């Protein structure tokens, strides 16, 4: 949360654990893959796709729909808040399914995850899942500034 996250993914947490985190950090959203726990604890449920979101029985405001980057526009058109797993998208693009690093690129603030996050934000994804919250947060802020959704952190004017 100090690293810049607005939403914490407690994928397999119990209802009591979710409630404890929400009480300790009231300004940070909490999501979980367990629809029943999300419903009971007032958290956001993460559904693995649009079909699962429809079947969850929760209103769209209480859901994040995990989709690949290419399906973000479709999910948004249908009224769902899309979440993209940037780290998983990079792993799939590298053809390794999350195993090892064939590219030689460091996993610290992986440039692929930053690029996926920026594109997801540009496509109006509501959230990006990553293990690099600080650098990804900066990429999301930069994208929002470029789109005109927020002012830049610092404006510098160059005169020649």
Protein backbone atom coordinates (compact mmCIF):
# COMPACT_ATOMS: atom_id res chain seq x y z
CA UNK A 1 0.00 0.00 0.00
CA UNK A 2 2.91 2.30 0.62
CA UNK A 3 4.19 1.27 -2.81
CA UNK A 4 1.32 3.04 -4.55
CA UNK A 5 -1.50 0.50 -4.70
CA UNK A 6 -5.09 1.72 -4.49
CA UNK A 7 -6.46 -1.82 -4.40
CA UNK A 8 -5.06 -4.88 -2.61
CA UNK A 9 -5.74 -8.33 -4.03
CA UNK A 10 -6.47 -10.80 -1.23
CA UNK A 11 -7.17 -13.66 -3.64
CA UNK A 12 -7.75 -16.51 -1.16
CA UNK A 13 -8.37 -14.58 2.05
CA UNK A 14 -11.19 -15.44 4.41
CA UNK A 15 -14.02 -13.07 5.20
CA UNK A 16 -12.43 -12.26 8.58
CA UNK A 17 -9.04 -11.50 6.99
CA UNK A 18 -10.66 -9.19 4.44
CA UNK A 19 -12.55 -7.35 7.17
CA UNK A 20 -9.36 -6.96 9.22
CA UNK A 21 -7.48 -5.45 6.26
CA UNK A 22 -10.39 -3.12 5.45
CA UNK A 23 -10.47 -1.91 9.07
CA UNK A 24 -6.70 -1.38 9.19
CA UNK A 25 -6.58 0.42 5.81
CA UNK A 26 -9.99 2.05 5.22
CA UNK A 27 -8.78 4.17 2.28
CA UNK A 28 -7.51 1.18 0.29
CA UNK A 29 -9.85 -1.04 -1.68
CA UNK A 30 -9.77 -4.79 -1.22
CA UNK A 31 -10.60 -7.42 -3.79
CA UNK A 32 -10.80 -11.20 -3.68
CA UNK A 33 -11.48 -14.08 -6.05
CA UNK A 34 -14.03 -15.55 -3.62
CA UNK A 35 -17.42 -14.04 -4.54
CA UNK A 36 -19.06 -15.20 -1.28
CA UNK A 37 -16.28 -13.64 0.84
CA UNK A 38 -16.46 -10.44 -1.19
CA UNK A 39 -20.22 -10.25 -0.70
CA UNK A 40 -19.98 -10.90 3.07
CA UNK A 41 -17.03 -8.57 3.71
CA UNK A 42 -18.00 -5.72 1.40
CA UNK A 43 -15.01 -6.27 -0.85
CA UNK A 44 -14.77 -6.25 -4.62
CA UNK A 45 -14.94 -9.63 -6.33
CA UNK A 46 -12.53 -10.46 -9.14
CA UNK A 47 -14.12 -12.73 -11.73
CA UNK A 48 -12.07 -14.67 -14.29
CA UNK A 49 -13.84 -13.33 -17.35
CA UNK A 50 -17.11 -11.80 -18.48
CA UNK A 51 -19.12 -15.04 -18.27
CA UNK A 52 -18.10 -15.55 -14.63
CA UNK A 53 -18.98 -11.91 -13.85
CA UNK A 54 -22.48 -12.38 -15.24
CA UNK A 55 -22.91 -15.58 -13.20
CA UNK A 56 -21.65 -14.02 -9.94
CA UNK A 57 -24.92 -12.34 -9.05
CA UNK A 58 -23.12 -9.19 -7.88
CA UNK A 59 -23.80 -5.79 -9.38
CA UNK A 60 -21.16 -4.46 -11.77
CA UNK A 61 -19.99 -1.86 -9.22
CA UNK A 62 -18.81 -4.69 -6.91
CA UNK A 63 -16.87 -6.57 -9.60
CA UNK A 64 -13.62 -6.50 -11.48
CA UNK A 65 -13.49 -8.70 -14.55
CA UNK A 66 -10.09 -10.15 -15.32
CA UNK A 67 -9.57 -10.07 -19.07
CA UNK A 68 -6.65 -10.16 -21.48
CA UNK A 69 -5.56 -6.79 -22.80
CA UNK A 70 -7.34 -7.35 -26.12
CA UNK A 71 -10.73 -7.75 -24.38
CA UNK A 72 -10.57 -4.57 -22.27
CA UNK A 73 -12.60 -2.51 -24.80
CA UNK A 74 -15.31 -5.20 -25.00
CA UNK A 75 -15.56 -5.51 -21.20
CA UNK A 76 -15.85 -1.72 -20.89
CA UNK A 77 -18.51 -1.52 -23.62
CA UNK A 78 -20.53 -4.12 -21.70
CA UNK A 79 -20.29 -2.06 -18.50
CA UNK A 80 -17.70 -4.14 -16.63
CA UNK A 81 -14.66 -2.78 -14.82
CA UNK A 82 -11.74 -4.62 -16.41
CA UNK A 83 -8.57 -5.70 -14.63
CA UNK A 84 -5.47 -6.74 -16.58
CA UNK A 85 -2.72 -8.88 -15.04
CA UNK A 86 0.32 -7.11 -16.50
CA UNK A 87 2.84 -9.64 -15.19
CA UNK A 88 0.90 -12.58 -16.63
CA UNK A 89 0.51 -10.80 -19.97
CA UNK A 90 4.28 -10.31 -20.14
CA UNK A 91 4.88 -13.96 -19.26
CA UNK A 92 2.50 -15.09 -21.99
CA UNK A 93 4.06 -12.73 -24.52
CA UNK A 94 7.44 -14.23 -23.72
CA UNK A 95 5.97 -17.69 -24.18
CA UNK A 96 7.01 -18.93 -20.79
CA UNK A 97 3.79 -18.93 -18.79
CA UNK A 98 5.49 -17.23 -15.86
CA UNK A 99 8.53 -19.51 -15.70
CA UNK A 100 12.08 -18.13 -15.90
CA UNK A 101 13.24 -15.13 -17.91
CA UNK A 102 14.23 -15.79 -21.49
CA UNK A 103 14.61 -12.13 -22.42
CA UNK A 104 17.43 -11.07 -20.11
CA UNK A 105 15.26 -8.22 -18.79
CA UNK A 106 15.26 -7.82 -15.03
CA UNK A 107 12.03 -8.52 -13.17
CA UNK A 108 12.59 -5.29 -11.21
CA UNK A 109 10.09 -2.87 -12.71
CA UNK A 110 9.87 -5.03 -15.81
CA UNK A 111 9.54 -2.80 -18.86
CA UNK A 112 6.98 -5.18 -20.38
CA UNK A 113 4.72 -4.86 -17.33
CA UNK A 114 5.01 -1.07 -17.51
CA UNK A 115 4.08 -1.09 -21.19
CA UNK A 116 1.11 -3.43 -20.63
CA UNK A 117 -0.08 -1.24 -17.73
CA UNK A 118 0.12 1.92 -19.83
CA UNK A 119 -1.80 0.32 -22.71
CA UNK A 120 -4.41 -1.13 -20.33
CA UNK A 121 -4.90 2.31 -18.82
CA UNK A 122 -5.19 3.89 -22.27
CA UNK A 123 -7.90 1.31 -23.12
CA UNK A 124 -9.76 2.30 -19.90
CA UNK A 125 -9.01 -0.75 -17.74
CA UNK A 126 -10.13 -0.02 -14.17
CA UNK A 127 -7.20 -1.83 -12.56
CA UNK A 128 -3.85 -3.44 -13.31
CA UNK A 129 -2.56 -6.39 -11.30
CA UNK A 130 1.23 -6.44 -10.85
CA UNK A 131 4.04 -7.25 -8.48
CA UNK A 132 5.64 -3.88 -9.38
CA UNK A 133 3.16 -1.43 -7.80
CA UNK A 134 5.43 1.64 -7.58
CA UNK A 135 6.71 1.73 -11.16
CA UNK A 136 3.35 0.62 -12.57
CA UNK A 137 1.60 3.37 -10.58
CA UNK A 138 3.94 5.92 -12.17
CA UNK A 139 3.19 4.49 -15.63
CA UNK A 140 -0.56 4.72 -14.94
CA UNK A 141 -0.22 8.31 -13.72
CA UNK A 142 1.82 9.21 -16.81
CA UNK A 143 -0.80 7.65 -19.09
CA UNK A 144 -3.59 9.55 -17.32
CA UNK A 145 -1.63 12.79 -17.78
CA UNK A 146 -1.10 12.11 -21.49
CA UNK A 147 -4.84 11.38 -21.90
CA UNK A 148 -5.66 14.64 -20.12
CA UNK A 149 -7.37 12.89 -17.20
CA UNK A 150 -5.05 14.38 -14.60
CA UNK A 151 -2.52 17.21 -14.57
CA UNK A 152 1.14 16.23 -14.89
CA UNK A 153 3.08 16.00 -11.65
CA UNK A 154 5.52 18.61 -12.96
CA UNK A 155 5.23 20.76 -16.03
CA UNK A 156 8.47 21.89 -17.63
CA UNK A 157 8.55 24.22 -20.56
CA UNK A 158 11.52 24.16 -22.85
CA UNK A 159 12.45 27.30 -24.75
CA UNK A 160 15.20 27.28 -27.32
